[in-house]
C-alpha atoms as a PDB file:
ATOM      1  CA  MET A   1     -64.392  89.336 -54.098  1.00  0.00           C
ATOM      2  CA  VAL A   2     -67.806  87.490 -53.584  1.00  0.00           C
ATOM      3  CA  LYS A   3     -68.146  86.540 -49.975  1.00  0.00           C
ATOM      4  CA  GLU A   4     -68.651  82.789 -49.449  1.00  0.00           C
ATOM      5  CA  ILE A   5     -71.994  81.896 -47.467  1.00  0.00           C
ATOM      6  CA  TYR A   6     -71.920  78.118 -46.592  1.00  0.00           C
ATOM      7  CA  TRP A   7     -75.277  76.629 -46.374  1.00  0.00           C
ATOM      8  CA  HIS A   8     -75.880  72.943 -44.874  1.00  0.00           C
ATOM      9  CA  LEU A   9     -78.338  70.412 -46.238  1.00  0.00           C
ATOM     10  CA  PRO A  10     -80.469  67.814 -44.488  1.00  0.00           C
ATOM     11  CA  GLY A  11     -80.779  64.157 -44.975  1.00  0.00           C
ATOM     12  CA  PHE A  12     -77.280  62.699 -46.435  1.00  0.00           C
ATOM     13  CA  CYS A  13     -78.137  59.396 -46.537  1.00  0.00           C
ATOM     14  CA  TYR A  14     -82.388  59.501 -47.191  1.00  0.00           C
ATOM     15  CA  PHE A  15     -82.518  62.645 -49.151  1.00  0.00           C
ATOM     16  CA  ARG A  16     -79.023  61.600 -51.261  1.00  0.00           C
ATOM     17  CA  LEU A  17     -80.467  61.244 -54.772  1.00  0.00           C
ATOM     18  CA  LEU A  18     -81.807  65.030 -54.394  1.00  0.00           C
ATOM     19  CA  ASN A  19     -78.829  66.144 -52.781  1.00  0.00           C
ATOM     20  CA  GLN A  20     -76.694  64.536 -55.389  1.00  0.00           C
ATOM     21  CA  ILE A  21     -78.736  66.653 -57.947  1.00  0.00           C
ATOM     22  CA  LEU A  22     -78.554  69.412 -56.470  1.00  0.00           C
ATOM     23  CA  LEU A  23     -74.652  69.552 -56.064  1.00  0.00           C
ATOM     24  CA  ASN A  24     -74.664  68.185 -59.694  1.00  0.00           C
ATOM     25  CA  LEU A  25     -76.501  70.986 -60.876  1.00  0.00           C
ATOM     26  CA  MET A  26     -74.847  73.696 -58.868  1.00  0.00           C
ATOM     27  CA  LYS A  27     -71.751  72.775 -61.009  1.00  0.00           C
ATOM     28  CA  ASP A  28     -73.371  72.343 -64.223  1.00  0.00           C
ATOM     29  CA  TYR A  29     -75.993  75.823 -63.785  1.00  0.00           C
ATOM     30  CA  PRO A  30     -73.480  77.940 -61.734  1.00  0.00           C
ATOM     31  CA  GLU A  31     -75.423  81.342 -63.177  1.00  0.00           C
ATOM     32  CA  CYS A  32     -78.786  79.684 -61.578  1.00  0.00           C
ATOM     33  CA  PHE A  33     -77.608  79.880 -58.390  1.00  0.00           C
ATOM     34  CA  ARG A  34     -76.735  82.599 -55.961  1.00  0.00           C
ATOM     35  CA  GLU A  35     -73.669  83.880 -56.076  1.00  0.00           C
ATOM     36  CA  GLY A  36     -71.243  82.792 -53.521  1.00  0.00           C
ATOM     37  CA  TYR A  37     -73.268  80.346 -52.370  1.00  0.00           C
ATOM     38  CA  ARG A  38     -71.400  76.857 -51.255  1.00  0.00           C
ATOM     39  CA  ILE A  39     -72.599  73.733 -49.640  1.00  0.00           C
ATOM     40  CA  GLY A  40     -70.736  73.902 -46.298  1.00  0.00           C
ATOM     41  CA  SER A  41     -72.241  70.057 -45.452  1.00  0.00           C
ATOM     42  CA  VAL A  42     -74.553  67.867 -45.644  1.00  0.00           C
ATOM     43  CA  TYR A  43     -76.196  66.464 -41.959  1.00  0.00           C
ATOM     44  CA  GLY A  44     -77.844  63.425 -41.001  1.00  0.00           C
ATOM     45  CA  THR A  45     -77.373  60.034 -40.256  1.00  0.00           C
ATOM     46  CA  PHE A  46     -76.877  56.400 -41.514  1.00  0.00           C
ATOM     47  CA  PRO A  47     -80.282  54.388 -40.449  1.00  0.00           C
ATOM     48  CA  GLY A  48     -80.049  52.599 -37.101  1.00  0.00           C
ATOM     49  CA  ALA A  49     -76.764  54.801 -35.550  1.00  0.00           C
ATOM     50  CA  ILE A  50     -77.684  54.646 -31.761  1.00  0.00           C
ATOM     51  CA  TRP A  51     -76.250  57.760 -31.593  1.00  0.00           C
ATOM     52  CA  ASN A  52     -78.310  59.622 -33.592  1.00  0.00           C
ATOM     53  CA  GLY A  53     -80.837  62.270 -32.287  1.00  0.00           C
ATOM     54  CA  GLY A  54     -82.969  65.223 -33.069  1.00  0.00           C
ATOM     55  CA  ARG A  55     -85.258  62.301 -35.576  1.00  0.00           C
ATOM     56  CA  ALA A  56     -85.115  58.871 -34.911  1.00  0.00           C
ATOM     57  CA  VAL A  57     -83.895  56.696 -38.213  1.00  0.00           C
ATOM     58  CA  MET A  58     -84.312  53.408 -37.974  1.00  0.00           C
ATOM     59  CA  GLY A  59     -82.874  50.164 -40.602  1.00  0.00           C
ATOM     60  CA  SER A  60     -79.536  49.627 -41.019  1.00  0.00           C
ATOM     61  CA  VAL A  61     -77.189  49.889 -44.020  1.00  0.00           C
ATOM     62  CA  GLY A  62     -74.194  47.858 -44.955  1.00  0.00           C
ATOM     63  CA  ARG A  63     -69.981  48.905 -45.366  1.00  0.00           C
ATOM     64  CA  GLN A  64     -70.474  49.434 -49.249  1.00  0.00           C
ATOM     65  CA  GLU A  65     -73.775  51.471 -48.669  1.00  0.00           C
ATOM     66  CA  ILE A  66     -71.809  53.615 -46.274  1.00  0.00           C
ATOM     67  CA  GLU A  67     -69.038  53.848 -48.495  1.00  0.00           C
ATOM     68  CA  ALA A  68     -70.794  55.028 -51.813  1.00  0.00           C
ATOM     69  CA  ILE A  69     -72.667  57.528 -49.979  1.00  0.00           C
ATOM     70  CA  LEU A  70     -69.676  58.938 -48.228  1.00  0.00           C
ATOM     71  CA  LYS A  71     -68.035  59.082 -51.587  1.00  0.00           C
ATOM     72  CA  ILE A  72     -71.174  60.798 -53.257  1.00  0.00           C
ATOM     73  CA  TYR A  73     -70.324  64.002 -51.266  1.00  0.00           C
ATOM     74  CA  ASN A  74     -66.547  63.810 -50.109  1.00  0.00           C
ATOM     75  CA  ASP A  75     -65.476  63.451 -53.649  1.00  0.00           C
ATOM     76  CA  ARG A  76     -66.959  66.802 -54.380  1.00  0.00           C
ATOM     77  CA  GLU A  77     -65.250  68.028 -50.801  1.00  0.00           C
ATOM     78  CA  VAL A  78     -68.693  68.315 -49.144  1.00  0.00           C
ATOM     79  CA  PRO A  79     -68.216  67.570 -45.399  1.00  0.00           C
ATOM     80  CA  VAL A  80     -70.755  64.637 -44.264  1.00  0.00           C
ATOM     81  CA  ARG A  81     -71.754  65.778 -40.686  1.00  0.00           C
ATOM     82  CA  PHE A  82     -73.242  62.881 -38.348  1.00  0.00           C
ATOM     83  CA  THR A  83     -76.058  63.928 -35.890  1.00  0.00           C
ATOM     84  CA  TRP A  84     -74.737  62.149 -33.040  1.00  0.00           C
ATOM     85  CA  THR A  85     -77.121  64.173 -30.592  1.00  0.00           C
ATOM     86  CA  ASN A  86     -78.768  61.063 -28.729  1.00  0.00           C
ATOM     87  CA  SER A  87     -79.605  63.318 -25.276  1.00  0.00           C
ATOM     88  CA  LEU A  88     -79.980  59.918 -23.594  1.00  0.00           C
ATOM     89  CA  LEU A  89     -76.663  58.164 -24.499  1.00  0.00           C
ATOM     90  CA  GLU A  90     -74.256  56.331 -21.606  1.00  0.00           C
ATOM     91  CA  GLU A  91     -70.817  55.562 -21.488  1.00  0.00           C
ATOM     92  CA  LYS A  92     -72.235  51.691 -21.913  1.00  0.00           C
ATOM     93  CA  HIS A  93     -73.430  52.930 -25.401  1.00  0.00           C
ATOM     94  CA  LEU A  94     -69.577  54.350 -26.378  1.00  0.00           C
ATOM     95  CA  GLN A  95     -68.211  51.369 -28.013  1.00  0.00           C
ATOM     96  CA  ASP A  96     -71.000  50.556 -30.223  1.00  0.00           C
ATOM     97  CA  PRO A  97     -69.762  48.438 -33.305  1.00  0.00           C
ATOM     98  CA  TYR A  98     -72.245  50.137 -36.242  1.00  0.00           C
ATOM     99  CA  CYS A  99     -71.598  53.603 -35.088  1.00  0.00           C
ATOM    100  CA  ASN A 100     -67.615  53.114 -34.368  1.00  0.00           C
ATOM    101  CA  LEU A 101     -67.665  51.498 -37.656  1.00  0.00           C
ATOM    102  CA  ILE A 102     -69.135  54.681 -39.348  1.00  0.00           C
ATOM    103  CA  MET A 103     -66.673  56.662 -37.753  1.00  0.00           C
ATOM    104  CA  GLU A 104     -63.595  55.333 -39.151  1.00  0.00           C
ATOM    105  CA  MET A 105     -64.914  54.493 -42.376  1.00  0.00           C
ATOM    106  CA  ALA A 106     -65.420  58.935 -43.003  1.00  0.00           C
ATOM    107  CA  ASP A 107     -62.607  59.360 -40.698  1.00  0.00           C
ATOM    108  CA  ASN A 108     -60.377  61.217 -43.403  1.00  0.00           C
ATOM    109  CA  GLY A 109     -60.377  65.184 -41.845  1.00  0.00           C
ATOM    110  CA  LEU A 110     -63.285  66.280 -44.144  1.00  0.00           C
ATOM    111  CA  ASN A 111     -66.420  64.904 -42.348  1.00  0.00           C
ATOM    112  CA  GLN A 112     -67.872  66.550 -39.243  1.00  0.00           C
ATOM    113  CA  VAL A 113     -70.306  65.337 -35.907  1.00  0.00           C
ATOM    114  CA  LEU A 114     -73.268  67.225 -34.107  1.00  0.00           C
ATOM    115  CA  VAL A 115     -72.599  66.734 -30.372  1.00  0.00           C
ATOM    116  CA  ASN A 116     -74.665  67.911 -27.558  1.00  0.00           C
ATOM    117  CA  LEU A 117     -73.166  65.170 -24.311  1.00  0.00           C
ATOM    118  CA  PRO A 118     -69.930  65.377 -22.847  1.00  0.00           C
ATOM    119  CA  VAL A 119     -69.800  61.688 -22.287  1.00  0.00           C
ATOM    120  CA  LEU A 120     -69.605  61.172 -26.442  1.00  0.00           C
ATOM    121  CA  GLU A 121     -68.063  64.151 -26.958  1.00  0.00           C
ATOM    122  CA  GLU A 122     -65.048  63.404 -24.765  1.00  0.00           C
ATOM    123  CA  TYR A 123     -64.762  59.861 -26.646  1.00  0.00           C
ATOM    124  CA  LEU A 124     -65.075  61.506 -29.708  1.00  0.00           C
ATOM    125  CA  ARG A 125     -62.417  64.048 -29.259  1.00  0.00           C
ATOM    126  CA  GLU A 126     -60.219  61.308 -28.156  1.00  0.00           C
ATOM    127  CA  LYS A 127     -60.713  58.314 -30.754  1.00  0.00           C
ATOM    128  CA  TYR A 128     -61.250  60.433 -33.762  1.00  0.00           C
ATOM    129  CA  PRO A 129     -59.416  63.708 -33.388  1.00  0.00           C
ATOM    130  CA  LYS A 130     -59.696  64.642 -36.885  1.00  0.00           C
ATOM    131  CA  TYR A 131     -63.073  65.357 -37.013  1.00  0.00           C
ATOM    132  CA  LYS A 132     -64.431  68.706 -36.439  1.00  0.00           C
ATOM    133  CA  LEU A 133     -67.134  68.979 -33.689  1.00  0.00           C
ATOM    134  CA  ILE A 134     -69.998  71.257 -33.773  1.00  0.00           C
ATOM    135  CA  SER A 135     -72.352  72.164 -31.223  1.00  0.00           C
ATOM    136  CA  SER A 136     -75.885  71.338 -31.496  1.00  0.00           C
ATOM    137  CA  THR A 137     -79.018  73.316 -31.370  1.00  0.00           C
ATOM    138  CA  THR A 138     -80.671  70.295 -29.175  1.00  0.00           C
ATOM    139  CA  LYS A 139     -78.570  71.760 -25.835  1.00  0.00           C
ATOM    140  CA  ARG A 140     -81.246  74.058 -26.369  1.00  0.00           C
ATOM    141  CA  ILE A 141     -78.959  77.183 -25.109  1.00  0.00           C
ATOM    142  CA  THR A 142     -81.638  79.900 -25.145  1.00  0.00           C
ATOM    143  CA  GLY A 143     -79.484  82.706 -22.956  1.00  0.00           C
ATOM    144  CA  VAL A 144     -77.093  84.972 -24.245  1.00  0.00           C
ATOM    145  CA  GLU A 145     -74.494  84.430 -21.820  1.00  0.00           C
ATOM    146  CA  ARG A 146     -74.709  80.804 -22.103  1.00  0.00           C
ATOM    147  CA  LEU A 147     -74.333  81.073 -26.124  1.00  0.00           C
ATOM    148  CA  LEU A 148     -71.106  83.672 -25.640  1.00  0.00           C
ATOM    149  CA  GLU A 149     -69.966  80.671 -23.548  1.00  0.00           C
ATOM    150  CA  GLU A 150     -70.232  78.269 -26.172  1.00  0.00           C
ATOM    151  CA  LEU A 151     -68.542  80.010 -28.727  1.00  0.00           C
ATOM    152  CA  ASN A 152     -65.787  80.496 -26.392  1.00  0.00           C
ATOM    153  CA  LYS A 153     -64.909  76.788 -26.495  1.00  0.00           C
ATOM    154  CA  ASP A 154     -63.267  74.658 -28.778  1.00  0.00           C
ATOM    155  CA  TYR A 155     -66.051  73.815 -31.379  1.00  0.00           C
ATOM    156  CA  PHE A 156     -65.878  74.592 -35.289  1.00  0.00           C
ATOM    157  CA  LEU A 157     -68.913  75.946 -35.190  1.00  0.00           C
ATOM    158  CA  VAL A 158     -72.212  76.643 -32.864  1.00  0.00           C
ATOM    159  CA  VAL A 159     -75.463  75.999 -34.006  1.00  0.00           C
ATOM    160  CA  LEU A 160     -77.945  78.880 -32.514  1.00  0.00           C
ATOM    161  CA  ASP A 161     -81.169  77.891 -30.669  1.00  0.00           C
ATOM    162  CA  TYR A 162     -83.837  79.008 -33.365  1.00  0.00           C
ATOM    163  CA  ASP A 163     -85.569  80.847 -30.465  1.00  0.00           C
ATOM    164  CA  LEU A 164     -82.980  83.081 -30.748  1.00  0.00           C
ATOM    165  CA  ASN A 165     -83.336  83.903 -34.538  1.00  0.00           C
ATOM    166  CA  HIS A 166     -84.200  87.149 -34.706  1.00  0.00           C
ATOM    167  CA  ASP A 167     -83.214  88.213 -30.893  1.00  0.00           C
ATOM    168  CA  ARG A 168     -81.225  91.324 -31.801  1.00  0.00           C
ATOM    169  CA  GLN A 169     -79.375  91.150 -28.385  1.00  0.00           C
ATOM    170  CA  ALA A 170     -78.459  87.836 -29.401  1.00  0.00           C
ATOM    171  CA  LEU A 171     -77.062  88.441 -32.562  1.00  0.00           C
ATOM    172  CA  GLU A 172     -75.140  91.653 -31.795  1.00  0.00           C
ATOM    173  CA  ALA A 173     -73.724  89.774 -28.703  1.00  0.00           C
ATOM    174  CA  VAL A 174     -71.598  87.119 -30.777  1.00  0.00           C
ATOM    175  CA  GLY A 175     -69.944  89.928 -32.442  1.00  0.00           C
ATOM    176  CA  ASP A 176     -66.560  88.894 -34.861  1.00  0.00           C
ATOM    177  CA  GLN A 177     -67.661  85.098 -33.574  1.00  0.00           C
ATOM    178  CA  ALA A 178     -70.497  85.481 -36.450  1.00  0.00           C
ATOM    179  CA  GLY A 179     -68.570  83.289 -38.728  1.00  0.00           C
ATOM    180  CA  ARG A 180     -68.501  80.420 -36.241  1.00  0.00           C
ATOM    181  CA  VAL A 181     -72.464  80.447 -35.669  1.00  0.00           C
ATOM    182  CA  GLU A 182     -74.584  78.304 -37.610  1.00  0.00           C
ATOM    183  CA  ILE A 183     -78.562  79.512 -38.619  1.00  0.00           C
ATOM    184  CA  LEU A 184     -81.074  77.474 -38.825  1.00  0.00           C
ATOM    185  CA  VAL A 185     -83.355  79.462 -41.393  1.00  0.00           C
ATOM    186  CA  ASN A 186     -86.501  77.386 -41.674  1.00  0.00           C
ATOM    187  CA  GLU A 187     -87.314  76.145 -38.499  1.00  0.00           C
ATOM    188  CA  ILE A 188     -91.248  74.828 -38.339  1.00  0.00           C
ATOM    189  CA  CYS A 189     -91.705  74.835 -35.049  1.00  0.00           C
ATOM    190  CA  PHE A 190     -92.606  77.670 -32.831  1.00  0.00           C
ATOM    191  CA  PRO A 191     -90.171  79.488 -30.532  1.00  0.00           C
ATOM    192  CA  GLY A 192     -90.714  78.651 -26.920  1.00  0.00           C
ATOM    193  CA  CYS A 193     -92.107  75.397 -27.267  1.00  0.00           C
ATOM    194  CA  THR A 194     -92.401  73.557 -24.015  1.00  0.00           C
ATOM    195  CA  ARG A 195     -92.261  70.335 -25.064  1.00  0.00           C
ATOM    196  CA  ARG A 196     -89.242  70.214 -27.260  1.00  0.00           C
ATOM    197  CA  ALA A 197     -86.589  68.911 -24.871  1.00  0.00           C
ATOM    198  CA  GLU A 198     -89.088  66.220 -24.670  1.00  0.00           C
ATOM    199  CA  HIS A 199     -89.563  65.513 -27.759  1.00  0.00           C
ATOM    200  CA  TYR A 200     -85.852  65.280 -28.316  1.00  0.00           C
ATOM    201  CA  ARG A 201     -85.959  62.679 -25.492  1.00  0.00           C
ATOM    202  CA  HIS A 202     -88.399  60.586 -26.651  1.00  0.00           C
ATOM    203  CA  GLN A 203     -86.424  60.465 -30.339  1.00  0.00           C
ATOM    204  CA  SER A 204     -83.536  59.315 -28.449  1.00  0.00           C
ATOM    205  CA  MET A 205     -85.344  56.465 -26.849  1.00  0.00           C
ATOM    206  CA  VAL A 206     -86.829  55.581 -30.059  1.00  0.00           C
ATOM    207  CA  GLN A 207     -83.376  55.457 -31.917  1.00  0.00           C
ATOM    208  CA  LEU A 208     -82.237  53.360 -28.520  1.00  0.00           C
ATOM    209  CA  GLY A 209     -84.930  50.879 -28.826  1.00  0.00           C
ATOM    210  CA  GLY A 210     -86.973  51.868 -25.754  1.00  0.00           C
ATOM    211  CA  ALA A 211     -90.558  51.709 -24.941  1.00  0.00           C
ATOM    212  CA  GLY A 212     -91.002  55.127 -26.700  1.00  0.00           C
ATOM    213  CA  ARG A 213     -90.655  52.844 -29.817  1.00  0.00           C
ATOM    214  CA  ALA A 214     -94.216  51.737 -29.718  1.00  0.00           C
ATOM    215  CA  THR A 215     -95.477  55.385 -29.109  1.00  0.00           C
ATOM    216  CA  GLU A 216     -95.861  58.550 -31.434  1.00  0.00           C
ATOM    217  CA  PHE A 217     -94.925  61.814 -29.694  1.00  0.00           C
ATOM    218  CA  PRO A 218     -97.646  64.320 -29.326  1.00  0.00           C
ATOM    219  CA  CYS A 219     -96.347  67.152 -30.728  1.00  0.00           C
ATOM    220  CA  PRO A 220     -98.521  69.818 -31.073  1.00  0.00           C
ATOM    221  CA  ASN A 221     -97.118  70.956 -34.259  1.00  0.00           C
ATOM    222  CA  ARG A 222     -97.776  67.373 -35.680  1.00  0.00           C
ATOM    223  CA  ALA A 223    -100.940  67.837 -37.794  1.00  0.00           C
ATOM    224  CA  ALA A 224     -99.872  71.500 -38.927  1.00  0.00           C
ATOM    225  CA  GLN A 225     -99.008  71.258 -42.892  1.00  0.00           C
ATOM    226  CA  LYS A 226     -95.752  71.297 -43.915  1.00  0.00           C
ATOM    227  CA  SER A 227     -94.749  73.370 -46.509  1.00  0.00           C
ATOM    228  CA  LEU A 228     -92.624  75.909 -47.222  1.00  0.00           C
ATOM    229  CA  GLU A 229     -95.582  78.529 -47.351  1.00  0.00           C
ATOM    230  CA  ASP A 230     -96.569  77.470 -44.092  1.00  0.00           C
ATOM    231  CA  CYS A 231     -92.711  77.572 -42.773  1.00  0.00           C
ATOM    232  CA  MET A 232     -92.313  81.060 -43.895  1.00  0.00           C
ATOM    233  CA  LYS A 233     -95.627  81.991 -41.651  1.00  0.00           C
ATOM    234  CA  ARG A 234     -93.686  80.602 -38.397  1.00  0.00           C
ATOM    235  CA  PRO A 235     -91.914  83.066 -35.983  1.00  0.00           C
ATOM    236  CA  ALA A 236     -88.381  81.819 -36.562  1.00  0.00           C
ATOM    237  CA  PHE A 237     -87.886  81.832 -40.387  1.00  0.00           C
ATOM    238  CA  ILE A 238     -85.763  83.869 -41.692  1.00  0.00           C
ATOM    239  CA  SER A 239     -86.432  85.158 -45.410  1.00  0.00           C
ATOM    240  CA  ASN A 240     -84.262  85.724 -48.355  1.00  0.00           C
ATOM    241  CA  GLU A 241     -84.682  89.211 -48.016  1.00  0.00           C
ATOM    242  CA  GLU A 242     -83.507  89.303 -44.463  1.00  0.00           C
ATOM    243  CA  ILE A 243     -80.487  87.272 -45.093  1.00  0.00           C
ATOM    244  CA  GLY A 244     -78.297  89.870 -46.347  1.00  0.00           C
ATOM    245  CA  ASP A 245     -78.721  91.486 -43.109  1.00  0.00           C
ATOM    246  CA  TYR A 246     -77.613  88.607 -41.108  1.00  0.00           C
ATOM    247  CA  ILE A 247     -74.388  88.190 -43.852  1.00  0.00           C
ATOM    248  CA  ASP A 248     -73.753  92.014 -42.992  1.00  0.00           C
ATOM    249  CA  ARG A 249     -73.340  91.357 -39.341  1.00  0.00           C
ATOM    250  CA  GLY A 250     -70.788  88.501 -40.299  1.00  0.00           C
ATOM    251  CA  PHE A 251     -73.063  84.979 -40.414  1.00  0.00           C
ATOM    252  CA  VAL A 252     -71.680  83.036 -43.514  1.00  0.00           C
ATOM    253  CA  ASN A 253     -73.148  79.507 -42.021  1.00  0.00           C
ATOM    254  CA  PHE A 254     -76.888  78.736 -42.550  1.00  0.00           C
ATOM    255  CA  LYS A 255     -78.814  75.532 -41.828  1.00  0.00           C
ATOM    256  CA  ILE A 256     -82.049  74.009 -44.407  1.00  0.00           C
ATOM    257  CA  MET A 257     -84.249  71.703 -41.761  1.00  0.00           C
ATOM    258  CA  GLY A 258     -85.566  68.948 -43.418  1.00  0.00           C
ATOM    259  CA  ARG A 259     -84.891  65.554 -41.514  1.00  0.00           C
ATOM    260  CA  GLY A 260     -88.143  63.979 -41.201  1.00  0.00           C
ATOM    261  CA  MET A 261     -90.285  65.868 -43.798  1.00  0.00           C
ATOM    262  CA  SER A 262     -91.162  65.129 -47.184  1.00  0.00           C
ATOM    263  CA  GLY A 263     -88.753  64.957 -50.381  1.00  0.00           C
ATOM    264  CA  ASP A 264     -91.194  68.052 -52.256  1.00  0.00           C
ATOM    265  CA  PHE A 265     -90.624  70.135 -49.067  1.00  0.00           C
ATOM    266  CA  VAL A 266     -86.786  70.140 -49.316  1.00  0.00           C
ATOM    267  CA  ARG A 267     -86.646  70.300 -53.082  1.00  0.00           C
ATOM    268  CA  ASP A 268     -88.737  73.676 -52.297  1.00  0.00           C
ATOM    269  CA  ASN A 269     -86.711  74.909 -49.814  1.00  0.00           C
ATOM    270  CA  TYR A 270     -83.357  73.911 -51.786  1.00  0.00           C
ATOM    271  CA  LEU A 271     -84.825  76.221 -54.775  1.00  0.00           C
ATOM    272  CA  TYR A 272     -86.450  79.028 -52.476  1.00  0.00           C
ATOM    273  CA  TYR A 273     -82.895  79.932 -50.927  1.00  0.00           C
ATOM    274  CA  LEU A 274     -80.392  78.732 -53.097  1.00  0.00           C
ATOM    275  CA  VAL A 275     -81.841  79.621 -56.755  1.00  0.00           C
ATOM    276  CA  LYS A 276     -82.483  82.612 -58.292  1.00  0.00           C
ATOM    277  CA  GLU A 277     -85.680  83.427 -58.396  1.00  0.00           C
ATOM    278  CA  GLU A 278     -85.661  83.975 -62.131  1.00  0.00           C
ATOM    279  CA  SER A 279     -84.000  80.233 -63.006  1.00  0.00           C
ATOM    280  CA  ARG A 280     -86.458  78.678 -59.957  1.00  0.00           C
ATOM    281  CA  GLU A 281     -88.808  76.969 -62.400  1.00  0.00           C
ATOM    282  CA  PHE A 282     -85.761  75.754 -64.791  1.00  0.00           C
ATOM    283  CA  ILE A 283     -84.137  74.036 -61.709  1.00  0.00           C
ATOM    284  CA  ARG A 284     -87.328  72.647 -60.495  1.00  0.00           C
ATOM    285  CA  GLY A 285     -87.996  71.001 -64.073  1.00  0.00           C
ATOM    286  CA  LYS A 286     -84.707  69.905 -64.082  1.00  0.00           C
ATOM    287  CA  ILE A 287     -84.801  68.020 -60.358  1.00  0.00           C
ATOM    288  CA  ASP A 288     -88.176  66.274 -60.885  1.00  0.00           C
ATOM    289  CA  GLY A 289     -87.348  65.441 -64.726  1.00  0.00           C
ATOM    290  CA  LEU A 290     -84.006  63.510 -62.726  1.00  0.00           C
ATOM    291  CA  LEU A 291     -86.003  62.472 -59.996  1.00  0.00           C
ATOM    292  CA  SER A 292     -88.895  60.572 -62.354  1.00  0.00           C
ATOM    293  CA  ARG A 293     -86.359  59.410 -64.255  1.00  0.00           C
ATOM    294  CA  PHE A 294     -84.462  57.605 -61.578  1.00  0.00           C
ATOM    295  CA  ARG A 295     -87.930  56.262 -60.462  1.00  0.00           C
ATOM    296  CA  GLN A 296     -88.821  54.707 -64.076  1.00  0.00           C
ATOM    297  CA  ALA A 297     -85.676  52.957 -63.802  1.00  0.00           C
ATOM    298  CA  ILE A 298     -86.186  51.589 -60.432  1.00  0.00           C
ATOM    299  CA  ARG A 299     -89.512  50.473 -61.522  1.00  0.00           C
ATOM    300  CA  SER A 300     -88.384  48.770 -64.995  1.00  0.00           C
END
C-alpha cells in the first residue's frame, strides 16, 4: 500500500484559481503527480480579517464570495485552514463580527485553524469546538524540549519552526509523533533571523489597522530575488531528494510557503514538489493555458 503524504498549500483566497486548477489536474491526470500525494489543506485568510497573521491581507469579501471559496475546496474534501495567528490580539478583538461570520460559515467539521495566542485559542475551543486546531510556526518554538511539550498538547498538528528543518536531534526526538508534525519545505528566509518575531508583530499591527500600516518593514530579505531557484539555495530548503528521508522517519505533512509571493513562484513550487519530473512541462502548459483563458475571459 502506498503511504499517503499530505501537502498544505498557500492562499485559499488569493491563489484560489491556481489551486482550483491544480486540484482538477490532480483528479484528471493522476499519473502525472507523485504517487500517494494528497492535498491536506489550503491555508490563508479572507481579506481584512483582523485575526489573520503572518502576512497582512487587506480588503474585504462578502458572504457570497466566502461561501463560493469555501465550496471550491470543501466540495473536494479539502480543508480550508485559517491563519488566525495575529500576535497582537486581545480579548476585545474576539467578538469581531467579520471573523466570527467566517468561522460560522465554515463550521462544518472539516476546516482548520492555525493558532498562536492563548486568548484566541481558548475562545475558539469554546465557541467553535468542531475545528481542528494547529500550532503555528509563528510561535517560534526552536528548542527540542519546547517542541515536545507542544506535541503533548491537544493540537491536530504542530508546524515545525523551519530553523529545525535539518536539526537531526529535533527530528529524531519527536519519534512516533512525527505524523503530527508539519514541515515547511521551501522557506525563503534564513534560519536564525533575529527580526522574524518583530516582522510578525509588524504584520499583525498592519492587519489591525495600526500605525505600521503606513510603513514597510525593513526585512533583510525584502530585496532578494523571489524564485524557486533562489529558494533552493536557502539553508531551510528541503529538496525532493531529501523528502524521502523525512517520510521514512514518519513525517507525512509538508507545507509549501507562498503567501505574499507571486503566482509564478507558487506554481513553480507546485510543479517541483507535486508533479513527476517527466510530466512537469505538460502540467505547466495545462496550468498556464487555463490561467490565460481565464484572464482573457475576464478582459472580454
